[in-house]
N, C-alpha and C. Protein backbone atom coordinates (compact mmCIF):
# COMPACT_ATOMS: atom_id res chain seq x y z
N MET A 1 -23.73 14.91 16.29
CA MET A 1 -22.64 14.25 17.02
C MET A 1 -21.39 14.10 16.00
N SER A 2 -21.62 13.59 14.74
CA SER A 2 -20.60 13.38 13.77
C SER A 2 -20.15 14.61 13.17
N ASP A 3 -20.69 15.85 13.43
CA ASP A 3 -20.39 17.02 12.81
C ASP A 3 -18.80 17.42 13.00
N ASN A 4 -18.30 17.07 14.26
CA ASN A 4 -17.05 17.47 14.52
C ASN A 4 -15.99 16.32 14.37
N LEU A 5 -16.43 14.99 13.87
CA LEU A 5 -15.54 13.97 13.68
C LEU A 5 -14.99 14.03 12.16
N PRO A 6 -13.84 13.59 11.98
CA PRO A 6 -13.27 13.64 10.63
C PRO A 6 -13.78 12.45 9.78
N PRO A 7 -13.83 12.68 8.54
CA PRO A 7 -14.38 11.57 7.60
C PRO A 7 -13.21 10.50 7.55
N CYS A 8 -13.69 9.38 7.10
CA CYS A 8 -12.76 8.12 6.98
C CYS A 8 -11.72 8.46 5.83
N PRO A 9 -10.37 8.34 6.13
CA PRO A 9 -9.41 8.61 5.26
C PRO A 9 -9.37 7.67 4.03
N GLN A 10 -9.93 6.54 4.26
CA GLN A 10 -9.83 5.56 3.06
C GLN A 10 -11.06 5.62 2.25
N CYS A 11 -12.24 5.70 2.77
CA CYS A 11 -13.47 5.77 1.90
C CYS A 11 -14.28 7.12 1.96
N SER A 12 -13.83 8.04 2.67
CA SER A 12 -14.38 9.37 2.79
C SER A 12 -15.77 9.25 3.45
N SER A 13 -16.13 8.29 4.11
CA SER A 13 -17.35 8.12 4.76
C SER A 13 -17.61 9.18 5.95
N GLU A 14 -18.80 9.83 6.13
CA GLU A 14 -18.90 10.83 7.14
C GLU A 14 -19.52 10.08 8.36
N TYR A 15 -19.70 8.77 8.37
CA TYR A 15 -20.32 8.14 9.47
C TYR A 15 -19.32 7.49 10.50
N THR A 16 -18.26 8.18 10.82
CA THR A 16 -17.22 7.64 11.69
C THR A 16 -17.64 7.81 13.22
N TYR A 17 -17.02 7.02 13.93
CA TYR A 17 -17.25 7.17 15.30
C TYR A 17 -16.07 6.84 16.11
N GLU A 18 -16.07 7.24 17.38
CA GLU A 18 -14.85 6.95 18.32
C GLU A 18 -15.14 5.71 19.10
N MET A 19 -13.89 4.90 19.18
CA MET A 19 -13.83 3.61 19.97
C MET A 19 -12.56 3.72 20.85
N ASN A 20 -12.71 4.02 22.00
CA ASN A 20 -11.59 4.19 22.97
C ASN A 20 -10.64 5.35 22.32
N ALA A 21 -9.41 4.93 21.89
CA ALA A 21 -8.45 6.03 21.37
C ALA A 21 -8.53 6.02 19.88
N LEU A 22 -9.36 5.12 19.17
CA LEU A 22 -9.33 5.05 17.68
C LEU A 22 -10.65 5.73 17.11
N MET A 23 -10.49 6.02 15.90
CA MET A 23 -11.77 6.30 15.08
C MET A 23 -11.99 5.14 14.26
N VAL A 24 -13.24 4.86 13.97
CA VAL A 24 -13.73 3.68 13.18
C VAL A 24 -14.78 4.00 12.10
N CYS A 25 -14.54 3.44 11.00
CA CYS A 25 -15.47 3.70 9.85
C CYS A 25 -16.33 2.50 9.83
N PRO A 26 -17.68 2.47 9.94
CA PRO A 26 -18.61 1.37 10.02
C PRO A 26 -18.70 0.89 8.55
N GLU A 27 -18.55 1.81 7.45
CA GLU A 27 -18.78 1.33 6.11
C GLU A 27 -17.56 0.41 5.56
N CYS A 28 -16.31 0.81 5.85
CA CYS A 28 -15.24 0.03 5.24
C CYS A 28 -14.54 -0.59 6.34
N GLY A 29 -14.74 -0.50 7.65
CA GLY A 29 -14.06 -1.04 8.84
C GLY A 29 -12.74 -0.60 9.12
N HIS A 30 -12.27 0.46 8.45
CA HIS A 30 -10.92 1.10 8.75
C HIS A 30 -10.89 1.76 10.15
N GLU A 31 -9.77 1.49 10.88
CA GLU A 31 -9.56 2.15 12.10
C GLU A 31 -8.27 2.87 12.03
N TRP A 32 -8.31 4.02 12.69
CA TRP A 32 -7.02 4.96 12.78
C TRP A 32 -6.98 5.77 13.85
N VAL A 33 -5.77 6.24 14.15
CA VAL A 33 -5.60 7.19 15.41
C VAL A 33 -5.88 8.60 14.88
N PRO A 34 -6.91 9.37 15.55
CA PRO A 34 -7.08 10.68 14.98
C PRO A 34 -5.99 11.59 15.18
N ALA A 35 -5.81 12.48 14.15
CA ALA A 35 -4.70 13.44 14.22
C ALA A 35 -5.10 14.63 15.17
N GLU A 36 -4.19 15.41 15.68
CA GLU A 36 -4.42 16.49 16.49
C GLU A 36 -4.69 17.61 15.61
N GLY A 37 -5.93 18.19 15.60
CA GLY A 37 -6.24 19.33 14.64
C GLY A 37 -7.50 18.96 13.78
N ASP A 38 -7.53 19.59 12.65
CA ASP A 38 -8.66 19.39 11.87
C ASP A 38 -8.66 18.27 10.86
N SER A 39 -9.58 18.07 10.10
CA SER A 39 -9.72 16.85 9.10
C SER A 39 -8.60 16.97 8.03
N ALA A 40 -8.15 18.21 7.70
CA ALA A 40 -7.13 18.38 6.74
C ALA A 40 -5.83 17.80 7.17
N ALA A 41 -5.55 17.78 8.45
CA ALA A 41 -4.40 17.15 9.01
C ALA A 41 -4.55 15.59 8.94
N SER A 42 -5.81 15.18 9.16
CA SER A 42 -5.96 13.74 9.20
C SER A 42 -5.88 13.12 7.67
N ALA A 43 -5.96 13.99 6.74
CA ALA A 43 -6.01 13.51 5.34
C ALA A 43 -4.49 13.11 5.00
N GLY A 44 -3.62 13.69 5.65
CA GLY A 44 -2.18 13.30 5.48
C GLY A 44 -1.76 12.08 6.17
N VAL A 45 -2.71 11.49 7.02
CA VAL A 45 -2.36 10.22 7.64
C VAL A 45 -2.19 9.04 6.67
N GLY A 46 -3.05 9.08 5.64
CA GLY A 46 -3.12 8.07 4.68
C GLY A 46 -1.84 7.96 3.79
N GLU A 47 -1.12 9.17 3.74
CA GLU A 47 0.07 9.19 2.91
C GLU A 47 1.19 8.35 3.56
N ARG A 48 1.95 7.55 2.82
CA ARG A 48 3.05 6.76 3.39
C ARG A 48 4.21 6.80 2.40
N VAL A 49 5.35 6.56 2.78
CA VAL A 49 6.56 6.44 1.98
C VAL A 49 6.99 5.05 1.81
N ILE A 50 7.03 4.55 0.60
CA ILE A 50 7.54 3.16 0.46
C ILE A 50 8.85 3.25 -0.38
N LYS A 51 9.81 2.66 0.28
CA LYS A 51 11.13 2.60 -0.30
C LYS A 51 11.51 1.31 -0.91
N ASP A 52 12.42 1.18 -1.94
CA ASP A 52 12.80 -0.09 -2.51
C ASP A 52 14.04 -0.57 -1.61
N ALA A 53 14.71 -1.56 -2.07
CA ALA A 53 15.72 -2.24 -1.33
C ALA A 53 16.82 -1.37 -1.18
N VAL A 54 17.15 -0.40 -2.18
CA VAL A 54 18.34 0.55 -2.10
C VAL A 54 18.02 1.74 -1.20
N GLY A 55 16.71 2.08 -1.19
CA GLY A 55 16.40 3.27 -0.39
C GLY A 55 15.69 4.42 -1.28
N ASN A 56 15.51 4.07 -2.58
CA ASN A 56 14.78 5.00 -3.34
C ASN A 56 13.25 5.01 -3.07
N VAL A 57 12.65 6.28 -3.12
CA VAL A 57 11.27 6.35 -2.97
C VAL A 57 10.46 5.81 -4.10
N LEU A 58 9.40 4.90 -4.05
CA LEU A 58 8.62 4.37 -5.00
C LEU A 58 7.29 5.18 -5.12
N ASN A 59 6.80 5.33 -6.32
CA ASN A 59 5.60 5.98 -6.58
C ASN A 59 4.76 5.06 -7.53
N ASP A 60 3.51 5.36 -7.55
CA ASP A 60 2.57 4.72 -8.62
C ASP A 60 3.09 4.88 -9.94
N GLY A 61 3.07 3.91 -10.81
CA GLY A 61 3.41 4.04 -12.11
C GLY A 61 4.88 3.84 -12.29
N ASP A 62 5.78 3.65 -11.41
CA ASP A 62 7.29 3.42 -11.62
C ASP A 62 7.38 2.10 -12.25
N THR A 63 8.60 1.95 -12.80
CA THR A 63 9.11 0.71 -13.28
C THR A 63 10.24 0.28 -12.27
N VAL A 64 10.05 -0.99 -11.86
CA VAL A 64 11.09 -1.54 -10.91
C VAL A 64 11.68 -2.87 -11.48
N THR A 65 12.91 -3.27 -10.87
CA THR A 65 13.63 -4.44 -11.26
C THR A 65 13.66 -5.43 -10.11
N VAL A 66 13.27 -6.69 -10.35
CA VAL A 66 13.37 -7.61 -9.23
C VAL A 66 14.87 -7.93 -8.97
N ILE A 67 15.35 -7.89 -7.73
CA ILE A 67 16.68 -8.03 -7.43
C ILE A 67 17.15 -9.51 -6.85
N LYS A 68 16.12 -10.21 -6.74
CA LYS A 68 16.29 -11.59 -6.11
C LYS A 68 15.48 -12.58 -6.67
N ALA A 69 15.78 -13.79 -6.97
CA ALA A 69 14.99 -14.71 -7.56
C ALA A 69 13.83 -15.13 -6.53
N LEU A 70 12.49 -15.21 -7.09
CA LEU A 70 11.46 -15.33 -6.17
C LEU A 70 10.75 -16.73 -6.55
N LYS A 71 10.36 -17.53 -5.61
CA LYS A 71 9.51 -18.73 -5.90
C LYS A 71 8.17 -18.25 -5.88
N VAL A 72 7.32 -18.89 -6.87
CA VAL A 72 5.85 -18.52 -6.94
C VAL A 72 5.04 -19.76 -6.79
N LYS A 73 4.22 -19.81 -5.90
CA LYS A 73 3.44 -21.07 -5.64
C LYS A 73 2.48 -21.40 -6.95
N GLY A 74 2.63 -22.59 -7.30
CA GLY A 74 1.83 -23.11 -8.39
C GLY A 74 2.61 -22.89 -9.71
N SER A 75 3.80 -22.48 -9.69
CA SER A 75 4.56 -22.29 -10.94
C SER A 75 5.73 -23.10 -10.90
N VAL A 76 6.09 -23.71 -12.10
CA VAL A 76 7.32 -24.51 -12.18
C VAL A 76 8.52 -23.64 -11.98
N SER A 77 8.51 -22.52 -12.75
CA SER A 77 9.70 -21.61 -12.65
C SER A 77 9.23 -20.42 -11.93
N GLY A 78 10.09 -19.78 -11.10
CA GLY A 78 9.86 -18.62 -10.33
C GLY A 78 10.25 -17.38 -11.20
N ILE A 79 10.16 -16.22 -10.49
CA ILE A 79 10.49 -14.96 -11.13
C ILE A 79 12.04 -14.75 -11.01
N LYS A 80 12.72 -14.64 -12.22
CA LYS A 80 14.15 -14.49 -12.06
C LYS A 80 14.53 -13.13 -11.73
N ALA A 81 15.75 -12.99 -10.92
CA ALA A 81 16.39 -11.72 -10.71
C ALA A 81 16.62 -10.98 -12.09
N GLY A 82 16.24 -9.69 -12.00
CA GLY A 82 16.52 -8.92 -13.18
C GLY A 82 15.25 -8.66 -14.06
N THR A 83 14.13 -9.33 -13.65
CA THR A 83 12.90 -9.09 -14.28
C THR A 83 12.49 -7.68 -14.09
N LYS A 84 12.01 -7.06 -15.17
CA LYS A 84 11.40 -5.69 -14.97
C LYS A 84 9.96 -5.71 -14.90
N VAL A 85 9.44 -4.96 -14.01
CA VAL A 85 8.03 -4.83 -13.63
C VAL A 85 7.71 -3.39 -13.93
N ARG A 86 6.70 -3.22 -14.82
CA ARG A 86 6.30 -1.78 -15.28
C ARG A 86 4.99 -1.39 -14.63
N ASN A 87 4.79 -0.19 -14.49
CA ASN A 87 3.56 0.40 -13.98
C ASN A 87 3.00 -0.21 -12.71
N ILE A 88 3.84 -0.11 -11.58
CA ILE A 88 3.45 -0.76 -10.28
C ILE A 88 2.41 0.26 -9.65
N ARG A 89 1.70 -0.35 -8.72
CA ARG A 89 0.78 0.39 -7.86
C ARG A 89 1.09 0.07 -6.50
N LEU A 90 1.12 1.11 -5.55
CA LEU A 90 1.45 0.94 -4.14
C LEU A 90 0.08 0.73 -3.48
N VAL A 91 0.13 -0.31 -2.61
CA VAL A 91 -1.05 -0.68 -1.93
C VAL A 91 -0.76 -1.02 -0.53
N ASP A 92 -1.78 -1.21 0.39
CA ASP A 92 -1.75 -1.66 1.79
C ASP A 92 -1.87 -3.18 1.69
N GLY A 93 -0.84 -3.89 1.38
CA GLY A 93 -0.93 -5.37 1.27
C GLY A 93 -0.93 -6.13 2.40
N VAL A 94 -1.06 -7.42 2.25
CA VAL A 94 -0.96 -8.37 3.39
C VAL A 94 0.43 -8.81 3.55
N ASP A 95 0.80 -8.92 4.86
CA ASP A 95 2.28 -9.43 5.10
C ASP A 95 3.29 -8.74 4.56
N GLY A 96 3.28 -7.45 4.42
CA GLY A 96 4.47 -6.67 3.73
C GLY A 96 4.52 -6.55 2.23
N HIS A 97 3.54 -7.14 1.61
CA HIS A 97 3.43 -7.04 0.14
C HIS A 97 2.80 -5.76 -0.19
N ASP A 98 3.53 -4.75 -0.58
CA ASP A 98 2.99 -3.42 -0.78
C ASP A 98 3.09 -3.01 -2.20
N ILE A 99 3.37 -3.81 -3.10
CA ILE A 99 3.44 -3.42 -4.56
C ILE A 99 2.50 -4.34 -5.23
N ASP A 100 1.59 -3.75 -5.96
CA ASP A 100 0.51 -4.52 -6.74
C ASP A 100 1.05 -4.42 -8.17
N CYS A 101 1.17 -5.49 -9.03
CA CYS A 101 1.75 -5.31 -10.31
C CYS A 101 1.20 -6.51 -11.21
N ARG A 102 1.65 -6.36 -12.50
CA ARG A 102 1.36 -7.44 -13.37
C ARG A 102 2.66 -7.96 -14.04
N ILE A 103 3.01 -9.22 -13.96
CA ILE A 103 4.35 -9.65 -14.50
C ILE A 103 4.05 -10.58 -15.58
N GLU A 104 4.76 -10.30 -16.80
CA GLU A 104 4.50 -11.15 -18.03
C GLU A 104 4.79 -12.64 -17.69
N GLY A 105 3.91 -13.42 -18.00
CA GLY A 105 4.13 -14.93 -17.83
C GLY A 105 3.59 -15.50 -16.45
N PHE A 106 3.18 -14.46 -15.56
CA PHE A 106 2.71 -14.84 -14.15
C PHE A 106 1.34 -14.19 -13.88
N GLY A 107 1.12 -12.98 -14.51
CA GLY A 107 -0.13 -12.37 -14.26
C GLY A 107 -0.05 -11.43 -13.03
N ALA A 108 -1.26 -11.02 -12.49
CA ALA A 108 -1.23 -10.06 -11.34
C ALA A 108 -0.73 -10.72 -10.14
N MET A 109 0.03 -10.03 -9.33
CA MET A 109 0.63 -10.43 -8.18
C MET A 109 0.99 -9.30 -7.23
N GLN A 110 1.34 -9.56 -5.96
CA GLN A 110 1.86 -8.49 -5.13
C GLN A 110 3.31 -8.87 -4.78
N LEU A 111 4.23 -7.85 -4.57
CA LEU A 111 5.56 -8.08 -4.21
C LEU A 111 5.96 -7.18 -3.04
N LYS A 112 6.94 -7.59 -2.38
CA LYS A 112 7.44 -6.71 -1.32
C LYS A 112 8.44 -5.74 -1.89
N SER A 113 8.37 -4.59 -1.27
CA SER A 113 9.30 -3.45 -1.80
C SER A 113 10.84 -3.75 -1.49
N SER A 114 11.09 -4.81 -0.57
CA SER A 114 12.39 -5.15 -0.19
C SER A 114 13.03 -6.02 -1.28
N VAL A 115 12.31 -6.44 -2.14
CA VAL A 115 12.95 -7.37 -3.16
C VAL A 115 12.98 -6.73 -4.54
N VAL A 116 12.80 -5.29 -4.65
CA VAL A 116 12.90 -4.67 -5.95
C VAL A 116 13.69 -3.39 -5.74
N LYS A 117 14.12 -2.97 -6.97
CA LYS A 117 14.83 -1.57 -6.91
C LYS A 117 14.32 -0.87 -8.17
N LYS A 118 14.32 0.51 -7.99
CA LYS A 118 13.83 1.42 -9.06
C LYS A 118 14.60 1.40 -10.24
N ALA A 119 14.06 1.17 -11.35
CA ALA A 119 14.74 1.14 -12.62
C ALA A 119 14.98 2.46 -13.24
C-alpha cells in the first residue's frame, strides 16, 4: 500500500499515509499536500525562499545585521540595531521566527527575517 506513496520530506520516513487531502508522517507528525507527480517533485516542496527586510534572499551560513532594536525577555538591555549575526541557520520556526542564530552576549535565539538585512 505504501509502495506508491512518497516518503516524508522532513524525516524521509517511508511509513506515510493519506488523510483526506493531506499526506501524514506517523514518525515525525509532519503533514503536507502531495505534489502532482512522483516523489522527486515532492522533494522540492520542502525548499522555501526566505528574504530579509530589503528583499535579499537568505541562505544558511550568511551574515546578517539587525536593523531594528529588539527587546529580549529576561535581559536588561536588548539587541541594538546594527548588531552583526554570523552563521545563521534557516528553520521553520514558531510565530514567524525563521532564523536560528547565536548572538554574542545573548546566546542562541531565533529572529524574524523581517528585522535583519544581509551583510
